[in-house]
C-alpha atoms as a PDB file:
ATOM      1  CA  MET A   1     129.390 102.850   5.074  1.00  0.00           C
ATOM      2  CA  MET A   2     126.565 104.347   7.145  1.00  0.00           C
ATOM      3  CA  VAL A   3     126.876 105.471  10.757  1.00  0.00           C
ATOM      4  CA  GLU A   4     123.777 106.050  12.857  1.00  0.00           C
ATOM      5  CA  VAL A   5     124.018 107.531  16.350  1.00  0.00           C
ATOM      6  CA  PHE A   6     121.265 107.088  18.923  1.00  0.00           C
ATOM      7  CA  LYS A   7     120.522 108.625  22.315  1.00  0.00           C
ATOM      8  CA  THR A   8     119.514 105.946  24.856  1.00  0.00           C
ATOM      9  CA  ASN A   9     118.729 105.506  28.535  1.00  0.00           C
ATOM     10  CA  VAL A  10     121.103 102.545  28.987  1.00  0.00           C
ATOM     11  CA  GLU A  11     123.176 103.051  32.138  1.00  0.00           C
ATOM     12  CA  ALA A  12     125.252  99.959  32.932  1.00  0.00           C
ATOM     13  CA  HIS A  13     127.952  98.173  30.958  1.00  0.00           C
ATOM     14  CA  ASP A  14     126.344  94.759  31.564  1.00  0.00           C
ATOM     15  CA  GLU A  15     123.098  96.100  30.068  1.00  0.00           C
ATOM     16  CA  SER A  16     124.935  97.467  27.039  1.00  0.00           C
ATOM     17  CA  ALA A  17     126.721  94.148  26.465  1.00  0.00           C
ATOM     18  CA  ARG A  18     123.399  92.278  26.550  1.00  0.00           C
ATOM     19  CA  ILE A  19     121.808  94.787  24.162  1.00  0.00           C
ATOM     20  CA  ILE A  20     124.740  94.547  21.733  1.00  0.00           C
ATOM     21  CA  GLU A  21     124.332  90.744  21.686  1.00  0.00           C
ATOM     22  CA  GLU A  22     120.617  91.111  20.887  1.00  0.00           C
ATOM     23  CA  LEU A  23     121.211  93.673  18.174  1.00  0.00           C
ATOM     24  CA  LEU A  24     123.961  91.575  16.590  1.00  0.00           C
ATOM     25  CA  GLN A  25     121.623  88.574  16.429  1.00  0.00           C
ATOM     26  CA  ARG A  26     119.283  90.640  14.264  1.00  0.00           C
ATOM     27  CA  TYR A  27     121.956  92.744  12.496  1.00  0.00           C
ATOM     28  CA  PRO A  28     125.140  90.615  12.387  1.00  0.00           C
ATOM     29  CA  GLN A  29     126.608  92.647   9.526  1.00  0.00           C
ATOM     30  CA  ASN A  30     126.750  95.841  11.613  1.00  0.00           C
ATOM     31  CA  ARG A  31     129.369  97.127  14.031  1.00  0.00           C
ATOM     32  CA  ILE A  32     127.659  98.188  17.272  1.00  0.00           C
ATOM     33  CA  ASN A  33     128.969  99.894  20.406  1.00  0.00           C
ATOM     34  CA  PHE A  34     127.934 102.126  23.288  1.00  0.00           C
ATOM     35  CA  ASP A  35     129.543 105.200  24.804  1.00  0.00           C
ATOM     36  CA  LEU A  36     127.992 105.298  28.265  1.00  0.00           C
ATOM     37  CA  SER A  37     130.343 108.060  29.408  1.00  0.00           C
ATOM     38  CA  ASP A  38     128.533 110.486  27.071  1.00  0.00           C
ATOM     39  CA  CYS A  39     125.565 112.301  28.640  1.00  0.00           C
ATOM     40  CA  ASP A  40     123.323 110.892  25.872  1.00  0.00           C
ATOM     41  CA  ARG A  41     124.390 107.257  26.542  1.00  0.00           C
ATOM     42  CA  ILE A  42     125.300 106.890  22.866  1.00  0.00           C
ATOM     43  CA  LEU A  43     124.557 103.778  20.817  1.00  0.00           C
ATOM     44  CA  ARG A  44     126.565 103.824  17.577  1.00  0.00           C
ATOM     45  CA  VAL A  45     125.750 101.462  14.709  1.00  0.00           C
ATOM     46  CA  GLU A  46     127.926 101.220  11.587  1.00  0.00           C
ATOM     47  CA  GLY A  47     127.369  99.195   8.446  1.00  0.00           C
ATOM     48  CA  GLU A  48     126.346  99.140   4.807  1.00  0.00           C
ATOM     49  CA  ASN A  49     122.673  99.149   5.843  1.00  0.00           C
ATOM     50  CA  VAL A  50     121.639 100.472   9.228  1.00  0.00           C
ATOM     51  CA  HIS A  51     117.964  99.817  10.002  1.00  0.00           C
ATOM     52  CA  ALA A  52     117.295 102.662  12.431  1.00  0.00           C
ATOM     53  CA  GLY A  53     113.575 101.933  12.755  1.00  0.00           C
ATOM     54  CA  GLY A  54     114.208  98.284  13.571  1.00  0.00           C
ATOM     55  CA  ILE A  55     116.856  99.196  16.129  1.00  0.00           C
ATOM     56  CA  ILE A  56     114.520 101.668  17.844  1.00  0.00           C
ATOM     57  CA  GLU A  57     111.709  99.069  17.869  1.00  0.00           C
ATOM     58  CA  LEU A  58     113.966  96.364  19.314  1.00  0.00           C
ATOM     59  CA  MET A  59     115.249  98.698  22.016  1.00  0.00           C
ATOM     60  CA  ALA A  60     111.664  99.615  22.960  1.00  0.00           C
ATOM     61  CA  ALA A  61     110.649  95.939  23.006  1.00  0.00           C
ATOM     62  CA  ILE A  62     113.358  95.166  25.565  1.00  0.00           C
ATOM     63  CA  GLY A  63     112.470  98.207  27.675  1.00  0.00           C
ATOM     64  CA  TYR A  64     114.877 100.974  26.625  1.00  0.00           C
ATOM     65  CA  GLU A  65     114.445 104.422  25.136  1.00  0.00           C
ATOM     66  CA  CYS A  66     116.284 105.030  21.885  1.00  0.00           C
ATOM     67  CA  GLU A  67     116.119 107.912  19.422  1.00  0.00           C
ATOM     68  CA  ILE A  68     118.254 109.078  16.527  1.00  0.00           C
ATOM     69  CA  LEU A  69     120.520 112.002  17.331  1.00  0.00           C
ATOM     70  CA  PRO A  70     120.359 114.745  14.693  1.00  0.00           C
END
């Protein structure tokens, strides 16, 4: 099981819910959630294969910043 953690600029819960729906359409095998209470507005993706590059590209395409946290 892989876990990838991303820093984002997502601020609202309704935005995060919409983004999770979009990500799950492309990556239905992954478990995806946000922690908007964290200062980095964390996006966490878990699964056997986490396609970090594709996630970052999709987030950029829908107008959000997203980068892998070290």
